[in-house]
Amino acid sequence: MTGNIGYPVVNITQLAKRNQCNTFPLLAQDNELIKEIILLSHKLSYSIQLAMEVSFCVALSVAEQNSSLKRLL
């Protein structure tokens, strides 16, 4: 099952039952905080992906101006 932004929905209760929240036992009790952390991590992941795409576009633009670099791409 996926959420409204296309990422898998995480069942917080099941995570806690499987003891995957041992490091942060108090955090596992606050579902709203965990949901916010998950949303922020998705936003961060998207930002990193976007930055990588922009970096590639810049590299491609530079390579188009330099024929020796273009062969590497």
PDB file of N, CA and C in Angstrom:
ATOM      1  N   MET A   1       0.851  -1.174   0.000  1.00  0.00           N
ATOM      2  CA  MET A   1       0.000   0.000   0.000  1.00  0.00           C
ATOM      3  C   MET A   1       0.897   1.238   0.000  1.00  0.00           C
ATOM      4  N   THR A   2       0.491   2.254  -0.737  1.00  0.00           N
ATOM      5  CA  THR A   2       1.284   3.479  -0.783  1.00  0.00           C
ATOM      6  C   THR A   2       0.470   4.647  -0.281  1.00  0.00           C
ATOM      7  N   GLY A   3       1.177   5.657   0.194  1.00  0.00           N
ATOM      8  CA  GLY A   3       0.535   6.864   0.681  1.00  0.00           C
ATOM      9  C   GLY A   3       0.211   7.796  -0.475  1.00  0.00           C
ATOM     10  N   ASN A   4      -0.270   8.976  -0.125  1.00  0.00           N
ATOM     11  CA  ASN A   4      -0.703   9.916  -1.158  1.00  0.00           C
ATOM     12  C   ASN A   4       0.444  10.510  -1.958  1.00  0.00           C
ATOM     13  N   ILE A   5       1.681  10.324  -1.510  1.00  0.00           N
ATOM     14  CA  ILE A   5       2.815  10.845  -2.278  1.00  0.00           C
ATOM     15  C   ILE A   5       3.601   9.719  -2.928  1.00  0.00           C
ATOM     16  N   GLY A   6       3.014   8.513  -2.944  1.00  0.00           N
ATOM     17  CA  GLY A   6       3.627   7.407  -3.657  1.00  0.00           C
ATOM     18  C   GLY A   6       4.627   6.584  -2.878  1.00  0.00           C
ATOM     19  N   TYR A   7       4.832   6.895  -1.620  1.00  0.00           N
ATOM     20  CA  TYR A   7       5.764   6.125  -0.813  1.00  0.00           C
ATOM     21  C   TYR A   7       5.000   5.074  -0.019  1.00  0.00           C
ATOM     22  N   PRO A   8       5.659   3.974   0.316  1.00  0.00           N
ATOM     23  CA  PRO A   8       4.969   2.936   1.098  1.00  0.00           C
ATOM     24  C   PRO A   8       4.478   3.482   2.435  1.00  0.00           C
ATOM     25  N   VAL A   9       3.286   3.069   2.827  1.00  0.00           N
ATOM     26  CA  VAL A   9       2.754   3.460   4.125  1.00  0.00           C
ATOM     27  C   VAL A   9       3.397   2.576   5.182  1.00  0.00           C
ATOM     28  N   VAL A  10       3.898   3.199   6.228  1.00  0.00           N
ATOM     29  CA  VAL A  10       4.560   2.454   7.295  1.00  0.00           C
ATOM     30  C   VAL A  10       3.575   2.302   8.448  1.00  0.00           C
ATOM     31  N   ASN A  11       3.344   1.078   8.853  1.00  0.00           N
ATOM     32  CA  ASN A  11       2.484   0.819   9.999  1.00  0.00           C
ATOM     33  C   ASN A  11       3.335   0.946  11.255  1.00  0.00           C
ATOM     34  N   ILE A  12       3.157   2.049  11.970  1.00  0.00           N
ATOM     35  CA  ILE A  12       3.993   2.365  13.121  1.00  0.00           C
ATOM     36  C   ILE A  12       3.855   1.294  14.206  1.00  0.00           C
ATOM     37  N   THR A  13       2.630   0.818  14.414  1.00  0.00           N
ATOM     38  CA  THR A  13       2.405  -0.202  15.443  1.00  0.00           C
ATOM     39  C   THR A  13       3.183  -1.464  15.131  1.00  0.00           C
ATOM     40  N   GLN A  14       3.171  -1.886  13.875  1.00  0.00           N
ATOM     41  CA  GLN A  14       3.905  -3.094  13.505  1.00  0.00           C
ATOM     42  C   GLN A  14       5.409  -2.897  13.672  1.00  0.00           C
ATOM     43  N   LEU A  15       5.898  -1.702  13.341  1.00  0.00           N
ATOM     44  CA  LEU A  15       7.326  -1.442  13.541  1.00  0.00           C
ATOM     45  C   LEU A  15       7.695  -1.585  15.009  1.00  0.00           C
ATOM     46  N   ALA A  16       6.876  -1.014  15.869  1.00  0.00           N
ATOM     47  CA  ALA A  16       7.155  -1.086  17.308  1.00  0.00           C
ATOM     48  C   ALA A  16       7.077  -2.528  17.800  1.00  0.00           C
ATOM     49  N   LYS A  17       6.087  -3.290  17.294  1.00  0.00           N
ATOM     50  CA  LYS A  17       5.941  -4.688  17.711  1.00  0.00           C
ATOM     51  C   LYS A  17       7.147  -5.513  17.280  1.00  0.00           C
ATOM     52  N   ARG A  18       7.718  -5.183  16.144  1.00  0.00           N
ATOM     53  CA  ARG A  18       8.886  -5.919  15.657  1.00  0.00           C
ATOM     54  C   ARG A  18      10.175  -5.425  16.300  1.00  0.00           C
ATOM     55  N   ASN A  19      10.041  -4.543  17.274  1.00  0.00           N
ATOM     56  CA  ASN A  19      11.190  -4.011  18.017  1.00  0.00           C
ATOM     57  C   ASN A  19      12.176  -3.277  17.118  1.00  0.00           C
ATOM     58  N   GLN A  20      11.694  -2.640  16.085  1.00  0.00           N
ATOM     59  CA  GLN A  20      12.576  -1.862  15.227  1.00  0.00           C
ATOM     60  C   GLN A  20      12.725  -0.439  15.739  1.00  0.00           C
ATOM     61  N   CYS A  21      12.079  -0.145  16.839  1.00  0.00           N
ATOM     62  CA  CYS A  21      12.166   1.198  17.401  1.00  0.00           C
ATOM     63  C   CYS A  21      12.873   1.168  18.754  1.00  0.00           C
ATOM     64  N   ASN A  22      13.693   0.159  18.989  1.00  0.00           N
ATOM     65  CA  ASN A  22      14.371   0.022  20.278  1.00  0.00           C
ATOM     66  C   ASN A  22      15.245   1.214  20.606  1.00  0.00           C
ATOM     67  N   THR A  23      15.824   1.817  19.593  1.00  0.00           N
ATOM     68  CA  THR A  23      16.727   2.937  19.835  1.00  0.00           C
ATOM     69  C   THR A  23      15.983   4.155  20.371  1.00  0.00           C
ATOM     70  N   PHE A  24      14.744   4.308  19.932  1.00  0.00           N
ATOM     71  CA  PHE A  24      13.937   5.455  20.348  1.00  0.00           C
ATOM     72  C   PHE A  24      12.592   4.976  20.904  1.00  0.00           C
ATOM     73  N   PRO A  25      12.582   4.322  22.075  1.00  0.00           N
ATOM     74  CA  PRO A  25      11.334   3.763  22.589  1.00  0.00           C
ATOM     75  C   PRO A  25      10.259   4.816  22.852  1.00  0.00           C
ATOM     76  N   LEU A  26      10.644   6.009  23.296  1.00  0.00           N
ATOM     77  CA  LEU A  26       9.643   7.046  23.542  1.00  0.00           C
ATOM     78  C   LEU A  26       9.091   7.598  22.235  1.00  0.00           C
ATOM     79  N   LEU A  27       9.953   7.673  21.233  1.00  0.00           N
ATOM     80  CA  LEU A  27       9.535   8.166  19.935  1.00  0.00           C
ATOM     81  C   LEU A  27       8.481   7.256  19.313  1.00  0.00           C
ATOM     82  N   ALA A  28       8.608   5.961  19.545  1.00  0.00           N
ATOM     83  CA  ALA A  28       7.683   4.998  18.967  1.00  0.00           C
ATOM     84  C   ALA A  28       6.273   5.169  19.509  1.00  0.00           C
ATOM     85  N   GLN A  29       6.131   5.868  20.608  1.00  0.00           N
ATOM     86  CA  GLN A  29       4.811   6.070  21.205  1.00  0.00           C
ATOM     87  C   GLN A  29       4.097   7.283  20.623  1.00  0.00           C
ATOM     88  N   ASP A  30       4.774   8.106  19.878  1.00  0.00           N
ATOM     89  CA  ASP A  30       4.184   9.336  19.352  1.00  0.00           C
ATOM     90  C   ASP A  30       3.999   9.205  17.845  1.00  0.00           C
ATOM     91  N   ASN A  31       2.848   8.676  17.430  1.00  0.00           N
ATOM     92  CA  ASN A  31       2.597   8.425  16.013  1.00  0.00           C
ATOM     93  C   ASN A  31       2.657   9.692  15.162  1.00  0.00           C
ATOM     94  N   GLU A  32       2.157  10.804  15.678  1.00  0.00           N
ATOM     95  CA  GLU A  32       2.166  12.044  14.902  1.00  0.00           C
ATOM     96  C   GLU A  32       3.587  12.522  14.646  1.00  0.00           C
ATOM     97  N   LEU A  33       4.437  12.400  15.637  1.00  0.00           N
ATOM     98  CA  LEU A  33       5.831  12.795  15.474  1.00  0.00           C
ATOM     99  C   LEU A  33       6.518  11.892  14.458  1.00  0.00           C
ATOM    100  N   ILE A  34       6.236  10.604  14.543  1.00  0.00           N
ATOM    101  CA  ILE A  34       6.840   9.663  13.592  1.00  0.00           C
ATOM    102  C   ILE A  34       6.361   9.946  12.180  1.00  0.00           C
ATOM    103  N   LYS A  35       5.070  10.229  12.015  1.00  0.00           N
ATOM    104  CA  LYS A  35       4.542  10.559  10.691  1.00  0.00           C
ATOM    105  C   LYS A  35       5.246  11.793  10.129  1.00  0.00           C
ATOM    106  N   GLU A  36       5.475  12.774  10.983  1.00  0.00           N
ATOM    107  CA  GLU A  36       6.158  13.998  10.552  1.00  0.00           C
ATOM    108  C   GLU A  36       7.601  13.700  10.146  1.00  0.00           C
ATOM    109  N   ILE A  37       8.272  12.853  10.916  1.00  0.00           N
ATOM    110  CA  ILE A  37       9.651  12.476  10.596  1.00  0.00           C
ATOM    111  C   ILE A  37       9.704  11.741   9.262  1.00  0.00           C
ATOM    112  N   ILE A  38       8.749  10.838   9.042  1.00  0.00           N
ATOM    113  CA  ILE A  38       8.706  10.094   7.776  1.00  0.00           C
ATOM    114  C   ILE A  38       8.466  11.050   6.616  1.00  0.00           C
ATOM    115  N   LEU A  39       7.536  11.978   6.787  1.00  0.00           N
ATOM    116  CA  LEU A  39       7.261  12.957   5.728  1.00  0.00           C
ATOM    117  C   LEU A  39       8.488  13.808   5.434  1.00  0.00           C
ATOM    118  N   LEU A  40       9.164  14.249   6.479  1.00  0.00           N
ATOM    119  CA  LEU A  40      10.380  15.052   6.283  1.00  0.00           C
ATOM    120  C   LEU A  40      11.474  14.242   5.601  1.00  0.00           C
ATOM    121  N   SER A  41      11.581  12.956   5.938  1.00  0.00           N
ATOM    122  CA  SER A  41      12.607  12.129   5.291  1.00  0.00           C
ATOM    123  C   SER A  41      12.293  11.943   3.816  1.00  0.00           C
ATOM    124  N   HIS A  42      10.995  11.833   3.464  1.00  0.00           N
ATOM    125  CA  HIS A  42      10.616  11.733   2.059  1.00  0.00           C
ATOM    126  C   HIS A  42      10.955  13.033   1.321  1.00  0.00           C
ATOM    127  N   LYS A  43      10.690  14.167   1.970  1.00  0.00           N
ATOM    128  CA  LYS A  43      11.016  15.456   1.356  1.00  0.00           C
ATOM    129  C   LYS A  43      12.522  15.602   1.166  1.00  0.00           C
ATOM    130  N   LEU A  44      13.291  15.160   2.158  1.00  0.00           N
ATOM    131  CA  LEU A  44      14.746  15.221   2.055  1.00  0.00           C
ATOM    132  C   LEU A  44      15.237  14.325   0.931  1.00  0.00           C
ATOM    133  N   SER A  45      14.671  13.134   0.843  1.00  0.00           N
ATOM    134  CA  SER A  45      15.041  12.198  -0.220  1.00  0.00           C
ATOM    135  C   SER A  45      14.756  12.802  -1.589  1.00  0.00           C
ATOM    136  N   TYR A  46      13.588  13.437  -1.723  1.00  0.00           N
ATOM    137  CA  TYR A  46      13.225  14.080  -2.987  1.00  0.00           C
ATOM    138  C   TYR A  46      14.194  15.226  -3.292  1.00  0.00           C
ATOM    139  N   SER A  47      14.548  16.001  -2.277  1.00  0.00           N
ATOM    140  CA  SER A  47      15.476  17.118  -2.482  1.00  0.00           C
ATOM    141  C   SER A  47      16.840  16.628  -2.939  1.00  0.00           C
ATOM    142  N   ILE A  48      17.304  15.528  -2.350  1.00  0.00           N
ATOM    143  CA  ILE A  48      18.592  14.964  -2.747  1.00  0.00           C
ATOM    144  C   ILE A  48      18.527  14.470  -4.186  1.00  0.00           C
ATOM    145  N   GLN A  49      17.427  13.799  -4.535  1.00  0.00           N
ATOM    146  CA  GLN A  49      17.258  13.315  -5.909  1.00  0.00           C
ATOM    147  C   GLN A  49      17.253  14.483  -6.888  1.00  0.00           C
ATOM    148  N   LEU A  50      16.535  15.538  -6.541  1.00  0.00           N
ATOM    149  CA  LEU A  50      16.469  16.721  -7.402  1.00  0.00           C
ATOM    150  C   LEU A  50      17.848  17.355  -7.558  1.00  0.00           C
ATOM    151  N   ALA A  51      18.600  17.437  -6.462  1.00  0.00           N
ATOM    152  CA  ALA A  51      19.948  18.005  -6.522  1.00  0.00           C
ATOM    153  C   ALA A  51      20.854  17.166  -7.423  1.00  0.00           C
ATOM    154  N   MET A  52      20.696  15.851  -7.366  1.00  0.00           N
ATOM    155  CA  MET A  52      21.508  14.976  -8.221  1.00  0.00           C
ATOM    156  C   MET A  52      21.155  15.187  -9.695  1.00  0.00           C
ATOM    157  N   GLU A  53      19.860  15.343  -9.973  1.00  0.00           N
ATOM    158  CA  GLU A  53      19.445  15.572 -11.357  1.00  0.00           C
ATOM    159  C   GLU A  53      19.974  16.906 -11.876  1.00  0.00           C
ATOM    160  N   VAL A  54      19.922  17.928 -11.038  1.00  0.00           N
ATOM    161  CA  VAL A  54      20.436  19.241 -11.432  1.00  0.00           C
ATOM    162  C   VAL A  54      21.945  19.158 -11.672  1.00  0.00           C
ATOM    163  N   SER A  55      22.650  18.445 -10.790  1.00  0.00           N
ATOM    164  CA  SER A  55      24.094  18.285 -10.952  1.00  0.00           C
ATOM    165  C   SER A  55      24.422  17.590 -12.267  1.00  0.00           C
ATOM    166  N   PHE A  56      23.643  16.572 -12.605  1.00  0.00           N
ATOM    167  CA  PHE A  56      23.868  15.863 -13.853  1.00  0.00           C
ATOM    168  C   PHE A  56      23.626  16.787 -15.045  1.00  0.00           C
ATOM    169  N   CYS A  57      22.566  17.599 -14.965  1.00  0.00           N
ATOM    170  CA  CYS A  57      22.280  18.534 -16.057  1.00  0.00           C
ATOM    171  C   CYS A  57      23.412  19.543 -16.225  1.00  0.00           C
ATOM    172  N   VAL A  58      23.959  20.013 -15.119  1.00  0.00           N
ATOM    173  CA  VAL A  58      25.086  20.949 -15.186  1.00  0.00           C
ATOM    174  C   VAL A  58      26.295  20.257 -15.800  1.00  0.00           C
ATOM    175  N   ALA A  59      26.566  19.027 -15.357  1.00  0.00           N
ATOM    176  CA  ALA A  59      27.702  18.271 -15.908  1.00  0.00           C
ATOM    177  C   ALA A  59      27.514  18.034 -17.402  1.00  0.00           C
ATOM    178  N   LEU A  60      26.293  17.719 -17.808  1.00  0.00           N
ATOM    179  CA  LEU A  60      26.018  17.487 -19.220  1.00  0.00           C
ATOM    180  C   LEU A  60      26.205  18.769 -20.024  1.00  0.00           C
ATOM    181  N   SER A  61      25.781  19.880 -19.482  1.00  0.00           N
ATOM    182  CA  SER A  61      25.939  21.168 -20.147  1.00  0.00           C
ATOM    183  C   SER A  61      27.417  21.506 -20.337  1.00  0.00           C
ATOM    184  N   VAL A  62      28.202  21.255 -19.289  1.00  0.00           N
ATOM    185  CA  VAL A  62      29.644  21.514 -19.379  1.00  0.00           C
ATOM    186  C   VAL A  62      30.271  20.570 -20.403  1.00  0.00           C
ATOM    187  N   ALA A  63      29.849  19.319 -20.370  1.00  0.00           N
ATOM    188  CA  ALA A  63      30.411  18.321 -21.282  1.00  0.00           C
ATOM    189  C   ALA A  63      30.094  18.649 -22.734  1.00  0.00           C
ATOM    190  N   GLU A  64      28.930  19.212 -22.980  1.00  0.00           N
ATOM    191  CA  GLU A  64      28.574  19.574 -24.348  1.00  0.00           C
ATOM    192  C   GLU A  64      29.492  20.655 -24.894  1.00  0.00           C
ATOM    193  N   GLN A  65      30.053  21.438 -23.990  1.00  0.00           N
ATOM    194  CA  GLN A  65      30.966  22.493 -24.408  1.00  0.00           C
ATOM    195  C   GLN A  65      32.400  21.981 -24.524  1.00  0.00           C
ATOM    196  N   ASN A  66      32.653  20.806 -23.990  1.00  0.00           N
ATOM    197  CA  ASN A  66      33.996  20.251 -24.013  1.00  0.00           C
ATOM    198  C   ASN A  66      33.917  18.834 -24.581  1.00  0.00           C
ATOM    199  N   SER A  67      34.356  18.647 -25.786  1.00  0.00           N
ATOM    200  CA  SER A  67      34.188  17.366 -26.469  1.00  0.00           C
ATOM    201  C   SER A  67      34.900  16.206 -25.760  1.00  0.00           C
ATOM    202  N   SER A  68      36.010  16.475 -25.077  1.00  0.00           N
ATOM    203  CA  SER A  68      36.702  15.377 -24.386  1.00  0.00           C
ATOM    204  C   SER A  68      35.891  14.898 -23.185  1.00  0.00           C
ATOM    205  N   LEU A  69      35.182  15.785 -22.516  1.00  0.00           N
ATOM    206  CA  LEU A  69      34.314  15.386 -21.410  1.00  0.00           C
ATOM    207  C   LEU A  69      33.068  14.679 -21.916  1.00  0.00           C
ATOM    208  N   LYS A  70      32.598  15.056 -23.079  1.00  0.00           N
ATOM    209  CA  LYS A  70      31.373  14.482 -23.623  1.00  0.00           C
ATOM    210  C   LYS A  70      31.520  12.974 -23.830  1.00  0.00           C
ATOM    211  N   ARG A  71      32.716  12.540 -24.189  1.00  0.00           N
ATOM    212  CA  ARG A  71      32.946  11.099 -24.386  1.00  0.00           C
ATOM    213  C   ARG A  71      32.799  10.319 -23.076  1.00  0.00           C
ATOM    214  N   LEU A  72      33.071  10.958 -21.939  1.00  0.00           N
ATOM    215  CA  LEU A  72      32.947  10.287 -20.648  1.00  0.00           C
ATOM    216  C   LEU A  72      31.502  10.048 -20.268  1.00  0.00           C
ATOM    217  N   LEU A  73      30.620  10.927 -20.715  1.00  0.00           N
ATOM    218  CA  LEU A  73      29.199  10.782 -20.396  1.00  0.00           C
ATOM    219  C   LEU A  73      28.548   9.919 -21.439  1.00  0.00           C
TER     220      LEU A  73
END
